[in-house]
Full PDB file with SEQRES, HELIX, SHEET, SSBOND, CRYST1, ORIGX, SCALE, CONECT and MASTER records, all heavy atoms in Angstrom:
SEQRES   1 A   38  ARG TRP VAL ILE GLU GLN ASP MET LEU GLU ALA ILE ILE          
SEQRES   2 A   38  ALA LEU PRO ASN ASP LEU PHE PHE ASN THR GLY ILE ALA          
SEQRES   3 A   38  THR TYR ILE TRP VAL LEU SER ASN HIS LYS ALA GLU              
HELIX    1 AA1 TRP A    2  GLU A    5  1                                   4    
SHEET    1 AA1 2 LEU A   9  ALA A  14  0                                        
SHEET    2 AA1 2 TYR A  28  LEU A  32 -1                                        
CRYST1    1.000    1.000    1.000  90.00  90.00  90.00 P 1           1          
ORIGX1      1.000000  0.000000  0.000000        0.00000                         
ORIGX2      0.000000  1.000000  0.000000        0.00000                         
ORIGX3      0.000000  0.000000  1.000000        0.00000                         
SCALE1      1.000000  0.000000  0.000000        0.00000                         
SCALE2      0.000000  1.000000  0.000000        0.00000                         
SCALE3      0.000000  0.000000  1.000000        0.00000                         
ATOM      1  N   ARG A   1       0.831  -1.206   0.000  1.00  0.00           N  
ATOM      2  CA  ARG A   1       0.000   0.000   0.000  1.00  0.00           C  
ATOM      3  C   ARG A   1       0.864   1.253   0.000  1.00  0.00           C  
ATOM      4  O   ARG A   1       0.632   2.189  -0.784  1.00  0.00           O  
ATOM      5  CB  ARG A   1      -0.910  -0.010   1.226  1.00  0.00           C  
ATOM      6  CG  ARG A   1      -1.774   1.229   1.379  1.00  0.00           C  
ATOM      7  CD  ARG A   1      -2.606   1.136   2.652  1.00  0.00           C  
ATOM      8  NE  ARG A   1      -3.502   2.281   2.782  1.00  0.00           N  
ATOM      9  CZ  ARG A   1      -4.381   2.424   3.774  1.00  0.00           C  
ATOM     10  NH1 ARG A   1      -4.473   1.498   4.714  1.00  0.00           N  
ATOM     11  NH2 ARG A   1      -5.158   3.499   3.822  1.00  0.00           N  
ATOM     12  N   TRP A   2       1.869   1.266   0.865  1.00  0.00           N  
ATOM     13  CA  TRP A   2       2.756   2.427   0.985  1.00  0.00           C  
ATOM     14  C   TRP A   2       3.508   2.675  -0.326  1.00  0.00           C  
ATOM     15  O   TRP A   2       3.568   3.813  -0.819  1.00  0.00           O  
ATOM     16  CB  TRP A   2       3.731   2.165   2.125  1.00  0.00           C  
ATOM     17  CG  TRP A   2       4.827   3.167   2.283  1.00  0.00           C  
ATOM     18  CD1 TRP A   2       4.705   4.466   2.659  1.00  0.00           C  
ATOM     19  CD2 TRP A   2       6.226   2.925   2.093  1.00  0.00           C  
ATOM     20  NE1 TRP A   2       5.946   5.057   2.720  1.00  0.00           N  
ATOM     21  CE2 TRP A   2       6.894   4.132   2.373  1.00  0.00           C  
ATOM     22  CE3 TRP A   2       6.965   1.813   1.729  1.00  0.00           C  
ATOM     23  CZ2 TRP A   2       8.271   4.249   2.277  1.00  0.00           C  
ATOM     24  CZ3 TRP A   2       8.332   1.926   1.650  1.00  0.00           C  
ATOM     25  CH2 TRP A   2       8.985   3.125   1.912  1.00  0.00           C  
ATOM     26  N   VAL A   3       4.056   1.615  -0.913  1.00  0.00           N  
ATOM     27  CA  VAL A   3       4.819   1.755  -2.157  1.00  0.00           C  
ATOM     28  C   VAL A   3       3.937   2.295  -3.282  1.00  0.00           C  
ATOM     29  O   VAL A   3       4.344   3.172  -4.060  1.00  0.00           O  
ATOM     30  CB  VAL A   3       5.438   0.388  -2.557  1.00  0.00           C  
ATOM     31  CG1 VAL A   3       5.922   0.417  -4.000  1.00  0.00           C  
ATOM     32  CG2 VAL A   3       6.592   0.034  -1.637  1.00  0.00           C  
ATOM     33  N   ILE A   4       2.695   1.777  -3.358  1.00  0.00           N  
ATOM     34  CA  ILE A   4       1.804   2.172  -4.455  1.00  0.00           C  
ATOM     35  C   ILE A   4       1.179   3.544  -4.203  1.00  0.00           C  
ATOM     36  O   ILE A   4       1.129   4.388  -5.097  1.00  0.00           O  
ATOM     37  CB  ILE A   4       0.717   1.096  -4.674  1.00  0.00           C  
ATOM     38  CG1 ILE A   4       1.366  -0.202  -5.196  1.00  0.00           C  
ATOM     39  CG2 ILE A   4      -0.340   1.580  -5.666  1.00  0.00           C  
ATOM     40  CD1 ILE A   4       0.437  -1.393  -5.268  1.00  0.00           C  
ATOM     41  N   GLU A   5       0.714   3.785  -2.974  1.00  0.00           N  
ATOM     42  CA  GLU A   5       0.064   5.078  -2.699  1.00  0.00           C  
ATOM     43  C   GLU A   5       1.053   6.235  -2.701  1.00  0.00           C  
ATOM     44  O   GLU A   5       0.670   7.381  -2.965  1.00  0.00           O  
ATOM     45  CB  GLU A   5      -0.685   5.011  -1.357  1.00  0.00           C  
ATOM     46  CG  GLU A   5      -1.926   4.130  -1.428  1.00  0.00           C  
ATOM     47  CD  GLU A   5      -2.792   4.228  -0.170  1.00  0.00           C  
ATOM     48  OE1 GLU A   5      -2.331   4.826   0.827  1.00  0.00           O  
ATOM     49  OE2 GLU A   5      -3.921   3.696  -0.198  1.00  0.00           O  
ATOM     50  N   GLN A   6       2.332   5.937  -2.428  1.00  0.00           N  
ATOM     51  CA  GLN A   6       3.365   6.970  -2.540  1.00  0.00           C  
ATOM     52  C   GLN A   6       3.815   7.132  -3.991  1.00  0.00           C  
ATOM     53  O   GLN A   6       4.732   7.904  -4.279  1.00  0.00           O  
ATOM     54  CB  GLN A   6       4.568   6.618  -1.660  1.00  0.00           C  
ATOM     55  CG  GLN A   6       4.294   6.652  -0.164  1.00  0.00           C  
ATOM     56  CD  GLN A   6       3.859   8.027   0.312  1.00  0.00           C  
ATOM     57  OE1 GLN A   6       4.500   9.031   0.043  1.00  0.00           O  
ATOM     58  NE2 GLN A   6       2.726   8.076   1.006  1.00  0.00           N  
ATOM     59  N   ASP A   7       3.179   6.389  -4.885  1.00  0.00           N  
ATOM     60  CA  ASP A   7       3.427   6.458  -6.333  1.00  0.00           C  
ATOM     61  C   ASP A   7       4.889   6.192  -6.685  1.00  0.00           C  
ATOM     62  O   ASP A   7       5.494   6.889  -7.499  1.00  0.00           O  
ATOM     63  CB  ASP A   7       2.996   7.821  -6.884  1.00  0.00           C  
ATOM     64  CG  ASP A   7       2.730   7.759  -8.395  1.00  0.00           C  
ATOM     65  OD1 ASP A   7       2.561   6.642  -8.921  1.00  0.00           O  
ATOM     66  OD2 ASP A   7       2.702   8.832  -9.030  1.00  0.00           O  
ATOM     67  N   MET A   8       5.458   5.137  -6.064  1.00  0.00           N  
ATOM     68  CA  MET A   8       6.846   4.786  -6.349  1.00  0.00           C  
ATOM     69  C   MET A   8       6.976   3.592  -7.300  1.00  0.00           C  
ATOM     70  O   MET A   8       8.017   3.411  -7.926  1.00  0.00           O  
ATOM     71  CB  MET A   8       7.582   4.467  -5.042  1.00  0.00           C  
ATOM     72  CG  MET A   8       7.842   5.684  -4.185  1.00  0.00           C  
ATOM     73  SD  MET A   8       8.875   5.320  -2.742  1.00  0.00           S  
ATOM     74  CE  MET A   8       7.705   4.533  -1.652  1.00  0.00           C  
ATOM     75  N   LEU A   9       5.937   2.765  -7.394  1.00  0.00           N  
ATOM     76  CA  LEU A   9       6.032   1.554  -8.210  1.00  0.00           C  
ATOM     77  C   LEU A   9       5.808   1.881  -9.680  1.00  0.00           C  
ATOM     78  O   LEU A   9       4.721   2.294 -10.080  1.00  0.00           O  
ATOM     79  CB  LEU A   9       5.019   0.509  -7.739  1.00  0.00           C  
ATOM     80  CG  LEU A   9       5.067  -0.847  -8.444  1.00  0.00           C  
ATOM     81  CD1 LEU A   9       6.432  -1.501  -8.300  1.00  0.00           C  
ATOM     82  CD2 LEU A   9       3.966  -1.770  -7.903  1.00  0.00           C  
ATOM     83  N   GLU A  10       6.862   1.714 -10.480  1.00  0.00           N  
ATOM     84  CA  GLU A  10       6.760   1.977 -11.916  1.00  0.00           C  
ATOM     85  C   GLU A  10       6.301   0.753 -12.686  1.00  0.00           C  
ATOM     86  O   GLU A  10       5.404   0.823 -13.520  1.00  0.00           O  
ATOM     87  CB  GLU A  10       8.133   2.396 -12.473  1.00  0.00           C  
ATOM     88  CG  GLU A  10       8.419   3.849 -12.365  1.00  0.00           C  
ATOM     89  CD  GLU A  10       9.551   4.282 -13.295  1.00  0.00           C  
ATOM     90  OE1 GLU A  10      10.126   3.458 -14.019  1.00  0.00           O  
ATOM     91  OE2 GLU A  10       9.850   5.482 -13.295  1.00  0.00           O  
ATOM     92  N   ALA A  11       6.961  -0.384 -12.420  1.00  0.00           N  
ATOM     93  CA  ALA A  11       6.677  -1.575 -13.223  1.00  0.00           C  
ATOM     94  C   ALA A  11       7.056  -2.831 -12.467  1.00  0.00           C  
ATOM     95  O   ALA A  11       7.914  -2.811 -11.577  1.00  0.00           O  
ATOM     96  CB  ALA A  11       7.442  -1.513 -14.544  1.00  0.00           C  
ATOM     97  N   ILE A  12       6.406  -3.938 -12.835  1.00  0.00           N  
ATOM     98  CA  ILE A  12       6.790  -5.273 -12.382  1.00  0.00           C  
ATOM     99  C   ILE A  12       6.898  -6.157 -13.614  1.00  0.00           C  
ATOM    100  O   ILE A  12       5.991  -6.178 -14.451  1.00  0.00           O  
ATOM    101  CB  ILE A  12       5.784  -5.865 -11.376  1.00  0.00           C  
ATOM    102  CG1 ILE A  12       5.695  -4.991 -10.128  1.00  0.00           C  
ATOM    103  CG2 ILE A  12       6.171  -7.287 -11.001  1.00  0.00           C  
ATOM    104  CD1 ILE A  12       4.675  -5.473  -9.114  1.00  0.00           C  
ATOM    105  N   ILE A  13       8.027  -6.861 -13.726  1.00  0.00           N  
ATOM    106  CA  ILE A  13       8.270  -7.719 -14.890  1.00  0.00           C  
ATOM    107  C   ILE A  13       8.304  -9.169 -14.420  1.00  0.00           C  
ATOM    108  O   ILE A  13       9.126  -9.539 -13.575  1.00  0.00           O  
ATOM    109  CB  ILE A  13       9.608  -7.366 -15.568  1.00  0.00           C  
ATOM    110  CG1 ILE A  13       9.625  -5.889 -15.976  1.00  0.00           C  
ATOM    111  CG2 ILE A  13       9.864  -8.265 -16.773  1.00  0.00           C  
ATOM    112  CD1 ILE A  13      11.006  -5.379 -16.386  1.00  0.00           C  
ATOM    113  N   ALA A  14       7.402  -9.993 -14.941  1.00  0.00           N  
ATOM    114  CA  ALA A  14       7.386 -11.422 -14.615  1.00  0.00           C  
ATOM    115  C   ALA A  14       8.429 -12.133 -15.475  1.00  0.00           C  
ATOM    116  O   ALA A  14       8.425 -12.000 -16.704  1.00  0.00           O  
ATOM    117  CB  ALA A  14       6.002 -12.009 -14.874  1.00  0.00           C  
ATOM    118  N   LEU A  15       9.323 -12.874 -14.832  1.00  0.00           N  
ATOM    119  CA  LEU A  15      10.419 -13.555 -15.530  1.00  0.00           C  
ATOM    120  C   LEU A  15      10.064 -15.022 -15.791  1.00  0.00           C  
ATOM    121  O   LEU A  15       9.178 -15.588 -15.141  1.00  0.00           O  
ATOM    122  CB  LEU A  15      11.692 -13.481 -14.681  1.00  0.00           C  
ATOM    123  CG  LEU A  15      12.203 -12.074 -14.353  1.00  0.00           C  
ATOM    124  CD1 LEU A  15      13.370 -12.157 -13.378  1.00  0.00           C  
ATOM    125  CD2 LEU A  15      12.601 -11.335 -15.613  1.00  0.00           C  
ATOM    126  N   PRO A  16      10.780 -15.669 -16.711  1.00  0.00           N  
ATOM    127  CA  PRO A  16      10.546 -17.104 -16.940  1.00  0.00           C  
ATOM    128  C   PRO A  16      10.915 -17.924 -15.705  1.00  0.00           C  
ATOM    129  O   PRO A  16      11.769 -17.521 -14.917  1.00  0.00           O  
ATOM    130  CB  PRO A  16      11.490 -17.434 -18.115  1.00  0.00           C  
ATOM    131  CG  PRO A  16      11.853 -16.119 -18.715  1.00  0.00           C  
ATOM    132  CD  PRO A  16      11.795 -15.111 -17.627  1.00  0.00           C  
ATOM    133  N   ASN A  17      10.278 -19.074 -15.561  1.00  0.00           N  
ATOM    134  CA  ASN A  17      10.684 -20.017 -14.512  1.00  0.00           C  
ATOM    135  C   ASN A  17      12.030 -20.644 -14.882  1.00  0.00           C  
ATOM    136  O   ASN A  17      12.478 -20.545 -16.021  1.00  0.00           O  
ATOM    137  CB  ASN A  17       9.646 -21.122 -14.355  1.00  0.00           C  
ATOM    138  CG  ASN A  17       8.361 -20.608 -13.724  1.00  0.00           C  
ATOM    139  OD1 ASN A  17       8.285 -19.474 -13.267  1.00  0.00           O  
ATOM    140  ND2 ASN A  17       7.341 -21.445 -13.699  1.00  0.00           N  
ATOM    141  N   ASP A  18      12.654 -21.299 -13.911  1.00  0.00           N  
ATOM    142  CA  ASP A  18      13.912 -22.039 -14.129  1.00  0.00           C  
ATOM    143  C   ASP A  18      15.045 -21.135 -14.617  1.00  0.00           C  
ATOM    144  O   ASP A  18      15.906 -21.553 -15.383  1.00  0.00           O  
ATOM    145  CB  ASP A  18      13.712 -23.194 -15.129  1.00  0.00           C  
ATOM    146  CG  ASP A  18      12.643 -24.160 -14.678  1.00  0.00           C  
ATOM    147  OD1 ASP A  18      12.568 -24.411 -13.466  1.00  0.00           O  
ATOM    148  OD2 ASP A  18      11.887 -24.660 -15.532  1.00  0.00           O  
ATOM    149  N   LEU A  19      15.051 -19.891 -14.142  1.00  0.00           N  
ATOM    150  CA  LEU A  19      16.041 -18.918 -14.592  1.00  0.00           C  
ATOM    151  C   LEU A  19      17.212 -18.812 -13.615  1.00  0.00           C  
ATOM    152  O   LEU A  19      18.301 -18.399 -13.995  1.00  0.00           O  
ATOM    153  CB  LEU A  19      15.358 -17.551 -14.741  1.00  0.00           C  
ATOM    154  CG  LEU A  19      16.054 -16.445 -15.517  1.00  0.00           C  
ATOM    155  CD1 LEU A  19      16.340 -16.875 -16.947  1.00  0.00           C  
ATOM    156  CD2 LEU A  19      15.208 -15.181 -15.521  1.00  0.00           C  
ATOM    157  N   PHE A  20      16.967 -19.215 -12.352  1.00  0.00           N  
ATOM    158  CA  PHE A  20      17.979 -19.051 -11.313  1.00  0.00           C  
ATOM    159  C   PHE A  20      18.651 -20.385 -10.982  1.00  0.00           C  
ATOM    160  O   PHE A  20      18.092 -21.450 -11.213  1.00  0.00           O  
ATOM    161  CB  PHE A  20      17.351 -18.446 -10.058  1.00  0.00           C  
ATOM    162  CG  PHE A  20      17.030 -16.986 -10.209  1.00  0.00           C  
ATOM    163  CD1 PHE A  20      15.891 -16.575 -10.890  1.00  0.00           C  
ATOM    164  CD2 PHE A  20      17.871 -16.011  -9.700  1.00  0.00           C  
ATOM    165  CE1 PHE A  20      15.593 -15.235 -11.053  1.00  0.00           C  
ATOM    166  CE2 PHE A  20      17.588 -14.673  -9.854  1.00  0.00           C  
ATOM    167  CZ  PHE A  20      16.462 -14.272 -10.534  1.00  0.00           C  
ATOM    168  N   PHE A  21      19.847 -20.292 -10.402  1.00  0.00           N  
ATOM    169  CA  PHE A  21      20.640 -21.488 -10.118  1.00  0.00           C  
ATOM    170  C   PHE A  21      20.032 -22.361  -9.021  1.00  0.00           C  
ATOM    171  O   PHE A  21      20.161 -23.571  -9.049  1.00  0.00           O  
ATOM    172  CB  PHE A  21      22.063 -21.084  -9.689  1.00  0.00           C  
ATOM    173  CG  PHE A  21      22.830 -20.384 -10.771  1.00  0.00           C  
ATOM    174  CD1 PHE A  21      22.953 -19.009 -10.775  1.00  0.00           C  
ATOM    175  CD2 PHE A  21      23.421 -21.099 -11.795  1.00  0.00           C  
ATOM    176  CE1 PHE A  21      23.655 -18.356 -11.777  1.00  0.00           C  
ATOM    177  CE2 PHE A  21      24.128 -20.461 -12.803  1.00  0.00           C  
ATOM    178  CZ  PHE A  21      24.246 -19.085 -12.789  1.00  0.00           C  
ATOM    179  N   ASN A  22      19.385 -21.722  -8.040  1.00  0.00           N  
ATOM    180  CA  ASN A  22      18.961 -22.488  -6.865  1.00  0.00           C  
ATOM    181  C   ASN A  22      17.454 -22.595  -6.702  1.00  0.00           C  
ATOM    182  O   ASN A  22      16.965 -23.052  -5.683  1.00  0.00           O  
ATOM    183  CB  ASN A  22      19.564 -21.886  -5.591  1.00  0.00           C  
ATOM    184  CG  ASN A  22      19.099 -20.465  -5.338  1.00  0.00           C  
ATOM    185  OD1 ASN A  22      18.580 -19.812  -6.242  1.00  0.00           O  
ATOM    186  ND2 ASN A  22      19.277 -19.976  -4.132  1.00  0.00           N  
ATOM    187  N   THR A  23      16.680 -22.162  -7.690  1.00  0.00           N  
ATOM    188  CA  THR A  23      15.231 -22.294  -7.598  1.00  0.00           C  
ATOM    189  C   THR A  23      14.605 -22.209  -8.988  1.00  0.00           C  
ATOM    190  O   THR A  23      15.112 -21.492  -9.859  1.00  0.00           O  
ATOM    191  CB  THR A  23      14.618 -21.203  -6.702  1.00  0.00           C  
ATOM    192  OG1 THR A  23      13.206 -21.387  -6.638  1.00  0.00           O  
ATOM    193  CG2 THR A  23      14.908 -19.802  -7.234  1.00  0.00           C  
ATOM    194  N   GLY A  24      13.506 -22.918  -9.167  1.00  0.00           N  
ATOM    195  CA  GLY A  24      12.793 -22.849 -10.441  1.00  0.00           C  
ATOM    196  C   GLY A  24      11.505 -22.067 -10.335  1.00  0.00           C  
ATOM    197  O   GLY A  24      10.717 -22.025 -11.275  1.00  0.00           O  
ATOM    198  N   ILE A  25      11.270 -21.410  -9.175  1.00  0.00           N  
ATOM    199  CA  ILE A  25       9.998 -20.741  -8.929  1.00  0.00           C  
ATOM    200  C   ILE A  25       9.853 -19.459  -9.755  1.00  0.00           C  
ATOM    201  O   ILE A  25      10.808 -18.948 -10.324  1.00  0.00           O  
ATOM    202  CB  ILE A  25       9.814 -20.411  -7.440  1.00  0.00           C  
ATOM    203  CG1 ILE A  25      10.913 -19.429  -6.988  1.00  0.00           C  
ATOM    204  CG2 ILE A  25       9.821 -21.662  -6.594  1.00  0.00           C  
ATOM    205  CD1 ILE A  25      10.724 -18.920  -5.563  1.00  0.00           C  
ATOM    206  N   ALA A  26       8.611 -18.949  -9.756  1.00  0.00           N  
ATOM    207  CA  ALA A  26       8.322 -17.694 -10.455  1.00  0.00           C  
ATOM    208  C   ALA A  26       9.022 -16.529  -9.770  1.00  0.00           C  
ATOM    209  O   ALA A  26       9.036 -16.436  -8.539  1.00  0.00           O  
ATOM    210  CB  ALA A  26       6.821 -17.458 -10.484  1.00  0.00           C  
ATOM    211  N   THR A  27       9.623 -15.652 -10.563  1.00  0.00           N  
ATOM    212  CA  THR A  27      10.333 -14.486 -10.030  1.00  0.00           C  
ATOM    213  C   THR A  27       9.929 -13.228 -10.795  1.00  0.00           C  
ATOM    214  O   THR A  27       9.474 -13.304 -11.948  1.00  0.00           O  
ATOM    215  CB  THR A  27      11.860 -14.668 -10.126  1.00  0.00           C  
ATOM    216  OG1 THR A  27      12.200 -15.054 -11.464  1.00  0.00           O  
ATOM    217  CG2 THR A  27      12.347 -15.737  -9.159  1.00  0.00           C  
ATOM    218  N   TYR A  28      10.109 -12.100 -10.142  1.00  0.00           N  
ATOM    219  CA  TYR A  28       9.645 -10.822 -10.697  1.00  0.00           C  
ATOM    220  C   TYR A  28      10.654  -9.721 -10.402  1.00  0.00           C  
ATOM    221  O   TYR A  28      11.262  -9.703  -9.335  1.00  0.00           O  
ATOM    222  CB  TYR A  28       8.295 -10.425 -10.071  1.00  0.00           C  
ATOM    223  CG  TYR A  28       7.215 -11.459 -10.243  1.00  0.00           C  
ATOM    224  CD1 TYR A  28       7.160 -12.573  -9.399  1.00  0.00           C  
ATOM    225  CD2 TYR A  28       6.257 -11.345 -11.246  1.00  0.00           C  
ATOM    226  CE1 TYR A  28       6.175 -13.544  -9.549  1.00  0.00           C  
ATOM    227  CE2 TYR A  28       5.263 -12.304 -11.399  1.00  0.00           C  
ATOM    228  CZ  TYR A  28       5.230 -13.403 -10.551  1.00  0.00           C  
ATOM    229  OH  TYR A  28       4.262 -14.361 -10.710  1.00  0.00           O  
ATOM    230  N   ILE A  29      10.813  -8.810 -11.347  1.00  0.00           N  
ATOM    231  CA  ILE A  29      11.624  -7.608 -11.114  1.00  0.00           C  
ATOM    232  C   ILE A  29      10.673  -6.452 -10.824  1.00  0.00           C  
ATOM    233  O   ILE A  29       9.777  -6.159 -11.624  1.00  0.00           O  
ATOM    234  CB  ILE A  29      12.498  -7.265 -12.332  1.00  0.00           C  
ATOM    235  CG1 ILE A  29      13.538  -8.358 -12.590  1.00  0.00           C  
ATOM    236  CG2 ILE A  29      13.192  -5.918 -12.133  1.00  0.00           C  
ATOM    237  CD1 ILE A  29      14.326  -8.160 -13.875  1.00  0.00           C  
ATOM    238  N   TRP A  30      10.851  -5.809  -9.679  1.00  0.00           N  
ATOM    239  CA  TRP A  30      10.100  -4.596  -9.337  1.00  0.00           C  
ATOM    240  C   TRP A  30      10.997  -3.401  -9.657  1.00  0.00           C  
ATOM    241  O   TRP A  30      12.150  -3.349  -9.220  1.00  0.00           O  
ATOM    242  CB  TRP A  30       9.754  -4.564  -7.857  1.00  0.00           C  
ATOM    243  CG  TRP A  30       8.790  -5.609  -7.371  1.00  0.00           C  
ATOM    244  CD1 TRP A  30       8.774  -6.934  -7.692  1.00  0.00           C  
ATOM    245  CD2 TRP A  30       7.724  -5.420  -6.431  1.00  0.00           C  
ATOM    246  NE1 TRP A  30       7.775  -7.577  -7.018  1.00  0.00           N  
ATOM    247  CE2 TRP A  30       7.114  -6.672  -6.237  1.00  0.00           C  
ATOM    248  CE3 TRP A  30       7.241  -4.318  -5.726  1.00  0.00           C  
ATOM    249  CZ2 TRP A  30       6.026  -6.849  -5.376  1.00  0.00           C  
ATOM    250  CZ3 TRP A  30       6.164  -4.485  -4.857  1.00  0.00           C  
ATOM    251  CH2 TRP A  30       5.556  -5.741  -4.698  1.00  0.00           C  
ATOM    252  N   VAL A  31      10.458  -2.430 -10.392  1.00  0.00           N  
ATOM    253  CA  VAL A  31      11.183  -1.195 -10.713  1.00  0.00           C  
ATOM    254  C   VAL A  31      10.460  -0.043 -10.028  1.00  0.00           C  
ATOM    255  O   VAL A  31       9.261   0.164 -10.244  1.00  0.00           O  
ATOM    256  CB  VAL A  31      11.246  -0.951 -12.236  1.00  0.00           C  
ATOM    257  CG1 VAL A  31      12.038   0.323 -12.541  1.00  0.00           C  
ATOM    258  CG2 VAL A  31      11.868  -2.146 -12.955  1.00  0.00           C  
ATOM    259  N   LEU A  32      11.193   0.684  -9.180  1.00  0.00           N  
ATOM    260  CA  LEU A  32      10.591   1.784  -8.427  1.00  0.00           C  
ATOM    261  C   LEU A  32      11.358   3.082  -8.671  1.00  0.00           C  
ATOM    262  O   LEU A  32      12.560   3.066  -8.948  1.00  0.00           O  
ATOM    263  CB  LEU A  32      10.595   1.489  -6.923  1.00  0.00           C  
ATOM    264  CG  LEU A  32       9.628   0.431  -6.397  1.00  0.00           C  
ATOM    265  CD1 LEU A  32      10.168  -0.975  -6.622  1.00  0.00           C  
ATOM    266  CD2 LEU A  32       9.369   0.634  -4.900  1.00  0.00           C  
ATOM    267  N   SER A  33      10.645   4.187  -8.530  1.00  0.00           N  
ATOM    268  CA  SER A  33      11.255   5.507  -8.685  1.00  0.00           C  
ATOM    269  C   SER A  33      10.503   6.495  -7.801  1.00  0.00           C  
ATOM    270  O   SER A  33       9.283   6.393  -7.657  1.00  0.00           O  
ATOM    271  CB  SER A  33      11.184   5.957 -10.149  1.00  0.00           C  
ATOM    272  OG  SER A  33      11.579   7.308 -10.285  1.00  0.00           O  
ATOM    273  N   ASN A  34      11.233   7.443  -7.218  1.00  0.00           N  
ATOM    274  CA  ASN A  34      10.558   8.492  -6.439  1.00  0.00           C  
ATOM    275  C   ASN A  34      10.463   9.802  -7.232  1.00  0.00           C  
ATOM    276  O   ASN A  34      10.146  10.847  -6.682  1.00  0.00           O  
ATOM    277  CB  ASN A  34      11.245   8.720  -5.091  1.00  0.00           C  
ATOM    278  CG  ASN A  34      12.688   9.187  -5.228  1.00  0.00           C  
ATOM    279  OD1 ASN A  34      13.163   9.469  -6.330  1.00  0.00           O  
ATOM    280  ND2 ASN A  34      13.397   9.273  -4.106  1.00  0.00           N  
ATOM    281  N   HIS A  35      10.743   9.699  -8.526  1.00  0.00           N  
ATOM    282  CA  HIS A  35      10.571  10.873  -9.412  1.00  0.00           C  
ATOM    283  C   HIS A  35      10.113  10.378 -10.783  1.00  0.00           C  
ATOM    284  O   HIS A  35      10.792  10.536 -11.784  1.00  0.00           O  
ATOM    285  CB  HIS A  35      11.845  11.712  -9.491  1.00  0.00           C  
ATOM    286  CG  HIS A  35      13.038  10.971 -10.048  1.00  0.00           C  
ATOM    287  ND1 HIS A  35      13.743  11.430 -11.142  1.00  0.00           N  
ATOM    288  CD2 HIS A  35      13.637   9.816  -9.687  1.00  0.00           C  
ATOM    289  CE1 HIS A  35      14.728  10.580 -11.407  1.00  0.00           C  
ATOM    290  NE2 HIS A  35      14.686   9.604 -10.533  1.00  0.00           N  
ATOM    291  N   LYS A  36       8.920   9.804 -10.810  1.00  0.00           N  
ATOM    292  CA  LYS A  36       8.375   9.236 -12.048  1.00  0.00           C  
ATOM    293  C   LYS A  36       8.235  10.289 -13.148  1.00  0.00           C  
ATOM    294  O   LYS A  36       7.981  11.462 -12.866  1.00  0.00           O  
ATOM    295  CB  LYS A  36       6.980   8.649 -11.787  1.00  0.00           C  
ATOM    296  CG  LYS A  36       6.950   7.299 -11.106  1.00  0.00           C  
ATOM    297  CD  LYS A  36       5.500   6.815 -11.052  1.00  0.00           C  
ATOM    298  CE  LYS A  36       5.374   5.431 -10.434  1.00  0.00           C  
ATOM    299  NZ  LYS A  36       3.957   4.980 -10.436  1.00  0.00           N  
ATOM    300  N   ALA A  37       8.375   9.812 -14.384  1.00  0.00           N  
ATOM    301  CA  ALA A  37       8.087  10.683 -15.524  1.00  0.00           C  
ATOM    302  C   ALA A  37       6.600  11.040 -15.486  1.00  0.00           C  
ATOM    303  O   ALA A  37       5.780  10.300 -14.925  1.00  0.00           O  
ATOM    304  CB  ALA A  37       8.420   9.962 -16.831  1.00  0.00           C  
ATOM    305  N   GLU A  38       6.253  12.158 -16.099  1.00  0.00           N  
ATOM    306  CA  GLU A  38       4.880  12.669 -16.017  1.00  0.00           C  
ATOM    307  C   GLU A  38       3.841  11.642 -16.471  1.00  0.00           C  
ATOM    308  O   GLU A  38       2.790  11.479 -15.845  1.00  0.00           O  
ATOM    309  CB  GLU A  38       4.758  13.948 -16.860  1.00  0.00           C  
ATOM    310  CG  GLU A  38       3.623  14.863 -16.463  1.00  0.00           C  
ATOM    311  CD  GLU A  38       3.716  15.361 -15.020  1.00  0.00           C  
ATOM    312  OE1 GLU A  38       4.827  15.691 -14.556  1.00  0.00           O  
ATOM    313  OE2 GLU A  38       2.661  15.416 -14.370  1.00  0.00           O  
TER     314      GLU A  38                                                      
MASTER        0    0    0    1    2    0    0    6  313    1    0    3          
END                                                                             
C-alpha cells in the first residue's frame, strides 16, 4: 500500500521459470522511482 500510494512503483516484470541457479519458482523484477516521468 505504501509503495503504491506513494506512487513509487513503476513496473513489475514477470520472468521465466527455471532462470535461477537455486530455484525454479516464479520471479519478478520490481522497478521503483521516487521521481516518475509525467
